[in-house]
Protein backbone atom coordinates (compact mmCIF):
# COMPACT_ATOMS: atom_id res chain seq x y z
CA MET A 1 5.27 39.13 -20.86
CA GLY A 2 7.57 36.88 -21.02
CA GLU A 3 7.02 33.00 -22.02
CA PRO A 4 3.24 32.09 -23.63
CA ARG A 5 0.71 32.08 -21.92
CA TYR A 6 -1.93 29.81 -23.37
CA LEU A 7 -6.22 30.52 -22.05
CA GLN A 8 -9.24 28.42 -23.13
CA ALA A 9 -12.96 28.59 -21.33
CA GLU A 10 -15.75 28.01 -22.50
CA CYS A 11 -18.46 30.46 -23.90
CA ALA A 12 -22.17 30.35 -24.62
CA PHE A 13 -23.12 32.86 -27.11
CA ARG A 14 -26.42 34.14 -28.82
CA SER A 15 -24.93 31.61 -32.24
CA GLY A 16 -24.25 28.92 -29.64
CA ALA A 17 -21.92 27.63 -27.77
CA HIS A 18 -17.76 28.22 -28.81
CA THR A 19 -14.58 27.34 -27.13
CA VAL A 20 -12.16 30.63 -27.14
CA ARG A 21 -8.52 29.69 -26.98
CA VAL A 22 -6.55 32.90 -26.72
CA THR A 23 -2.22 32.97 -27.06
CA LEU A 24 -0.92 35.87 -25.24
CA THR A 25 3.23 37.19 -26.15
CA CYS A 26 4.87 40.09 -25.48
CA SER A 27 3.80 41.41 -29.12
CA THR A 28 1.27 39.81 -30.79
CA LEU A 29 -2.29 37.93 -29.74
CA ARG A 30 -3.47 34.91 -31.65
CA VAL A 31 -7.23 34.16 -31.12
CA GLU A 32 -8.99 31.58 -31.97
CA VAL A 33 -12.89 30.24 -31.73
CA GLU A 34 -14.02 26.83 -32.97
CA ALA A 35 -18.34 26.24 -32.67
CA HIS A 36 -19.47 23.15 -30.74
CA GLY A 37 -21.71 21.95 -33.12
CA THR A 38 -19.61 22.51 -36.91
CA ALA A 39 -16.18 22.36 -35.74
CA ASP A 40 -16.31 25.91 -36.88
CA LEU A 41 -13.09 27.83 -36.57
CA TRP A 42 -12.53 31.01 -36.98
CA ARG A 43 -8.81 32.05 -36.13
CA GLY A 44 -6.95 35.97 -36.09
CA GLU A 45 -3.93 37.05 -35.17
CA PHE A 46 -2.50 40.60 -34.30
CA ASP A 47 0.43 42.43 -33.28
CA ALA A 48 0.25 45.40 -30.55
CA THR A 49 0.53 48.14 -33.64
CA PHE A 50 -2.96 46.68 -34.50
CA ILE A 51 -4.69 46.49 -30.97
CA GLU A 52 -3.38 49.86 -29.91
CA ASP A 53 -4.96 51.82 -33.47
CA LEU A 54 -8.24 49.78 -32.41
CA THR A 55 -8.56 50.79 -29.07
CA ARG A 56 -7.89 54.71 -30.21
CA LYS A 57 -10.13 54.47 -33.27
CA THR A 58 -13.09 53.67 -30.37
CA GLY A 59 -11.97 56.15 -28.81
CA ASN A 60 -11.13 54.43 -25.61
CA PHE A 61 -7.32 54.31 -25.86
CA LYS A 62 -5.75 51.20 -24.36
CA GLN A 63 -1.91 49.67 -24.16
CA PHE A 64 -1.28 46.32 -25.68
CA GLY A 65 -0.47 44.75 -22.49
CA ILE A 66 -3.90 46.46 -20.73
CA PHE A 67 -6.12 44.95 -23.87
CA CYS A 68 -4.61 41.99 -22.88
CA SER A 69 -5.66 41.78 -19.04
CA MET A 70 -8.76 42.63 -20.10
CA LEU A 71 -9.51 40.14 -22.49
CA GLU A 72 -8.56 37.67 -20.14
CA SER A 73 -10.39 38.99 -17.22
CA ALA A 74 -12.99 38.36 -19.89
CA LEU A 75 -12.09 34.77 -20.80
CA THR A 76 -11.54 33.54 -16.54
CA GLN A 77 -14.81 35.84 -15.96
CA SER A 78 -13.22 37.31 -12.60
CA SER A 79 -14.35 41.32 -13.85
CA ASP A 80 -17.88 42.40 -13.98
CA SER A 81 -16.67 45.16 -16.47
CA VAL A 82 -14.81 43.22 -19.36
CA SER A 83 -17.44 40.30 -21.48
CA LEU A 84 -17.61 38.29 -24.60
CA GLU A 85 -19.54 38.44 -27.66
CA LEU A 86 -19.12 36.94 -30.77
CA LEU A 87 -20.67 38.56 -34.30
CA THR A 88 -20.82 38.13 -37.11
CA TYR A 89 -20.32 40.90 -39.92
CA THR A 90 -24.32 41.62 -40.64
CA ASP A 91 -24.49 41.39 -36.54
CA LEU A 92 -21.59 44.90 -36.11
CA GLU A 93 -23.45 46.21 -38.68
CA THR A 94 -26.20 46.72 -37.50
CA LEU A 95 -24.48 47.21 -34.03
CA HIS A 96 -23.19 49.89 -35.70
CA SER A 97 -25.92 51.47 -36.64
CA ARG A 98 -27.70 51.56 -33.83
CA LYS A 99 -24.66 53.52 -32.70
CA VAL A 100 -24.89 56.01 -34.13
CA GLY A 101 -28.13 56.12 -35.71
CA ALA A 102 -27.06 55.49 -39.38
CA ILE A 103 -29.40 53.31 -41.73
CA THR A 104 -28.15 49.62 -41.76
CA ARG A 105 -26.20 48.60 -45.38
CA PRO A 106 -28.04 45.37 -46.87
CA PRO A 107 -26.23 41.94 -45.98
CA PRO A 108 -23.23 41.32 -47.41
CA SER A 109 -24.27 38.06 -50.79
CA THR A 110 -23.98 34.76 -49.29
CA HIS A 111 -20.07 34.67 -51.35
CA SER A 112 -18.61 37.49 -49.47
CA PRO A 113 -16.05 36.94 -47.44
CA LEU A 114 -17.44 39.34 -44.67
CA ASN A 115 -20.45 36.36 -43.79
CA THR A 116 -17.61 33.78 -42.93
CA LYS A 117 -16.05 35.83 -40.32
CA ARG A 118 -16.50 36.28 -37.03
CA TYR A 119 -15.69 39.10 -34.43
CA LEU A 120 -14.46 38.45 -31.70
CA ILE A 121 -15.98 41.73 -29.47
CA LEU A 122 -14.99 42.88 -25.57
CA VAL A 123 -17.08 44.76 -24.27
CA TYR A 124 -15.95 47.25 -21.96
CA SER A 125 -19.07 48.50 -19.54
CA VAL A 126 -18.25 51.67 -18.04
CA GLU A 127 -20.42 53.75 -15.76
CA PHE A 128 -23.05 55.45 -18.77
CA ASP A 129 -20.61 53.80 -21.78
CA ARG A 130 -20.34 50.88 -23.12
CA ILE A 131 -17.06 50.64 -25.31
CA HIS A 132 -17.49 47.33 -28.11
CA TYR A 133 -13.44 46.14 -29.43
CA PRO A 134 -13.98 43.49 -32.61
CA LEU A 135 -11.86 41.38 -33.74
CA PRO A 136 -11.69 40.26 -37.32
CA LEU A 137 -11.12 36.60 -36.69
CA PRO A 138 -11.45 34.83 -40.68
CA TYR A 139 -12.79 31.99 -41.36
CA ALA A 140 -10.28 29.36 -41.17
CA GLY A 141 -12.90 26.02 -42.41
CA ARG A 142 -12.97 22.96 -40.56
CA PRO A 143 -10.26 20.98 -39.20
CA ASP A 144 -8.32 18.28 -40.76
CA LEU A 145 -10.68 14.55 -40.00
CA VAL A 146 -7.29 12.90 -41.60
CA ALA A 147 -5.21 14.06 -39.11
CA LEU A 148 -7.68 14.25 -36.63
CA VAL A 149 -7.70 10.86 -37.44
CA ARG A 150 -4.45 9.91 -36.39
CA GLU A 151 -3.93 12.36 -34.13
CA LEU A 152 -6.93 10.53 -32.27
CA GLN A 153 -5.17 6.93 -32.84
CA GLU A 154 -1.75 8.02 -31.80
CA GLN A 155 -3.49 9.08 -28.82
CA LEU A 156 -4.90 5.64 -28.51
CA ALA A 157 -1.59 3.85 -28.24
CA GLN A 158 -0.17 6.23 -26.59
CA LEU A 159 -2.66 4.82 -23.58
CA ARG A 160 -3.20 1.30 -24.50
CA ALA A 161 1.04 1.14 -24.06
CA GLN A 162 0.32 3.52 -20.82
CA ARG A 163 -2.08 0.39 -20.32
CA LEU A 164 0.76 -2.52 -20.38
CA GLU A 165 3.15 -1.23 -18.58
CA GLU A 166 0.87 -0.15 -15.82
CA THR A 167 -0.26 -3.99 -16.32
CA GLN A 168 2.64 -5.27 -16.29
CA HIS A 169 3.72 -2.97 -13.37
CA LEU A 170 0.50 -4.27 -11.49
CA ARG A 171 1.70 -8.56 -12.48
CA ASP A 172 4.81 -8.10 -10.96
CA ALA A 173 3.53 -6.76 -7.75
CA LEU A 174 1.44 -9.42 -8.00
CA TRP A 175 3.60 -12.48 -8.25
CA GLN A 176 6.39 -11.07 -6.05
CA VAL A 177 3.66 -10.69 -3.43
CA VAL A 178 2.37 -13.99 -3.87
CA GLU A 179 6.21 -15.57 -4.59
CA GLU A 180 7.19 -13.45 -0.51
CA LYS A 181 3.56 -15.62 0.47
CA GLN A 182 5.08 -18.63 -0.26
CA ALA A 183 7.79 -18.20 0.83
CA ALA A 184 7.12 -17.84 4.41
CA GLU A 185 4.77 -20.47 3.97
CA ALA A 186 7.20 -23.04 3.59
CA ARG A 187 9.20 -21.29 6.67
CA HIS A 188 6.69 -21.42 8.43
CA GLN A 189 6.32 -25.04 7.13
CA ARG A 190 9.25 -26.41 7.35
CA LYS A 191 9.71 -24.53 11.40
CA TYR A 192 7.22 -26.66 12.16
CA ARG A 193 8.13 -29.40 11.28
CA GLN A 194 11.37 -28.92 12.70
CA MET A 195 9.56 -27.86 16.37
CA ALA A 196 7.28 -31.42 15.85
CA ALA A 197 10.24 -33.22 15.45
CA GLU A 198 12.22 -31.99 18.75
CA LEU A 199 8.77 -32.42 20.71
CA THR A 200 8.96 -35.67 19.22
CA GLN A 201 12.11 -36.41 20.49
CA ALA A 202 11.50 -34.68 23.98
CA LYS A 203 8.43 -37.32 24.31
CA ALA A 204 10.55 -40.18 23.62
CA SER A 205 13.27 -39.01 26.13
CA GLU A 206 10.52 -38.47 29.18
CA LYS A 207 9.19 -41.83 28.46
CA ARG A 208 13.03 -43.41 28.08
CA LEU A 209 13.36 -41.22 30.96
CA GLN A 210 10.17 -41.94 33.20
CA LEU A 211 11.28 -46.10 32.70
CA ARG A 212 14.92 -45.68 33.79
CA VAL A 213 13.69 -43.84 36.75
CA LYS A 214 11.04 -46.89 37.55
CA ASN A 215 13.58 -50.08 36.85
CA LEU A 216 16.19 -48.40 38.92
CA THR A 217 13.43 -47.79 41.40
CA ALA A 218 12.74 -51.10 41.69
CA GLU A 219 15.29 -52.37 41.41
CA LEU A 220 16.78 -49.98 44.21
CA ALA A 221 13.55 -51.55 46.81
CA SER A 222 14.58 -55.41 45.34
CA CYS A 223 18.48 -54.23 46.93
CA LYS A 224 16.87 -52.93 49.75
CA ARG A 225 14.73 -56.38 50.63
CA GLY A 226 18.24 -58.65 49.46
CA ARG A 227 19.74 -56.70 51.88
CA GLN A 228 17.17 -57.00 54.94
CA LYS A 229 16.91 -60.41 54.37
CA SER A 230 20.94 -60.71 54.24
CA ALA A 231 21.34 -59.17 58.09
CA SER A 232 17.85 -61.34 59.86
CA PRO A 233 18.81 -65.16 59.68
CA ALA A 234 21.72 -65.30 61.29
CA PRO A 235 20.33 -64.38 64.87
CA ARG A 236 17.18 -66.18 64.38
CA SER A 237 19.26 -68.94 63.84
CA GLN A 238 21.39 -68.14 67.04
CA GLU A 239 18.70 -67.78 69.35
CA ARG A 240 16.12 -70.20 67.59
CA ARG A 241 19.58 -72.69 68.92
CA SER A 242 19.98 -71.06 71.69
CA ALA A 243 16.43 -71.52 72.48
CA SER A 244 16.91 -75.41 71.45
CA LEU A 245 19.71 -76.12 73.92
CA GLU A 246 18.32 -74.10 76.79
CA SER A 247 14.54 -76.22 77.07
CA HIS A 248 16.66 -79.36 76.58
CA ARG A 249 18.88 -78.84 79.90
CA SER A 250 16.05 -77.61 81.67
CA SER A 251 14.47 -80.95 80.71
CA ARG A 252 17.47 -82.56 82.34
CA GLY A 253 16.95 -80.12 85.17
CA HIS A 254 20.26 -78.39 84.74
CA PRO A 255 20.07 -74.12 85.10
CA SER A 256 20.69 -72.49 81.58
CA PRO A 257 23.94 -71.18 82.11
CA LYS A 258 24.39 -67.05 81.35
CA SER A 259 24.76 -65.58 78.74
CA PRO A 260 27.68 -64.20 77.43
CA SER A 261 28.20 -60.36 77.73
CA PRO A 262 27.92 -58.34 74.38
CA ALA A 263 31.25 -57.01 75.20
CA GLY A 264 32.37 -60.67 74.78
CA SER A 265 30.06 -62.16 71.73
CA ARG A 266 31.90 -62.97 68.73
CA PRO A 267 31.03 -60.30 65.65
CA PRO A 268 28.76 -61.94 62.96
CA ARG A 269 30.01 -64.34 59.66
CA PHE A 270 31.03 -62.39 56.56
CA ASP A 271 28.71 -62.45 54.63
CA PRO A 272 30.07 -61.97 50.90
CA THR A 273 26.31 -62.07 49.33
CA ALA A 274 24.79 -59.78 51.38
CA PHE A 275 28.56 -57.49 51.02
CA VAL A 276 26.93 -57.26 47.25
CA ARG A 277 24.09 -56.66 46.59
CA ALA A 278 24.85 -53.92 50.04
CA ARG A 279 27.27 -52.23 47.80
CA GLN A 280 25.20 -52.73 44.04
CA CYS A 281 22.51 -51.39 46.72
CA ARG A 282 25.26 -47.97 47.65
CA GLN A 283 25.62 -47.70 43.60
CA LYS A 284 22.20 -47.45 42.31
CA GLU A 285 21.80 -44.24 45.14
CA ALA A 286 24.66 -42.74 43.89
CA GLU A 287 22.78 -42.86 40.20
CA LEU A 288 19.52 -41.56 41.68
CA ARG A 289 20.90 -38.90 43.07
CA LYS A 290 22.79 -37.45 39.96
């Protein structure tokens, strides 16, 4: 065995429920039994020599390591061939008397140390026999209530400190989540306001463009109408003068002269107003194409 090994098991004996604690090292065995109802303690420590002498007296010798393995199997209930019993001195004497066929001795007095001692019996069952290895455990009294209360208070303080630390950690995590959520909401609100402002600006720009297109379209139509009006009056007045002259000549009996040929006709007079309007119309058309 290297480092110490600690074993604990809850055992139901004839005298009631008990907790059995065992500490194993390379050369010593420490056993402690605690009664559940009264918290009474019985404790014993044995070296390798004592254990081997004990097994030799029973007629079934076991080395210290093998005995510890058997005790561990009995605690963990991993083998049916070993088990545990807890007996008083009187129970042990009765068992011994039955085994050897002797007369039962009277029980010791109530003030005798033997009456307060307990024996943890390791029972080894073979095919035709049962070997009992008794481990004497002197009475160790009851736990110190003051020390027990102090230990419980220390454990309670540790639990409270741990709880406060965990609570503070949870609060910090919660505040971090809340701050991240608020920051995200603020970013979303800023982005929403920015997009709303851009949308309003885009709508205003669209309205201005529509109004400008409407004005330019109206100006273009006005320019076209003005150009048509400025080009049409001169031929009509000339036609009216020709018609009136022809009617006057026909009334006097003179034949009307032949109309001059198109090649010899005079070009129309320059109209500055029509020229300015035509130039404005061309400028408007150029702006609309852009």
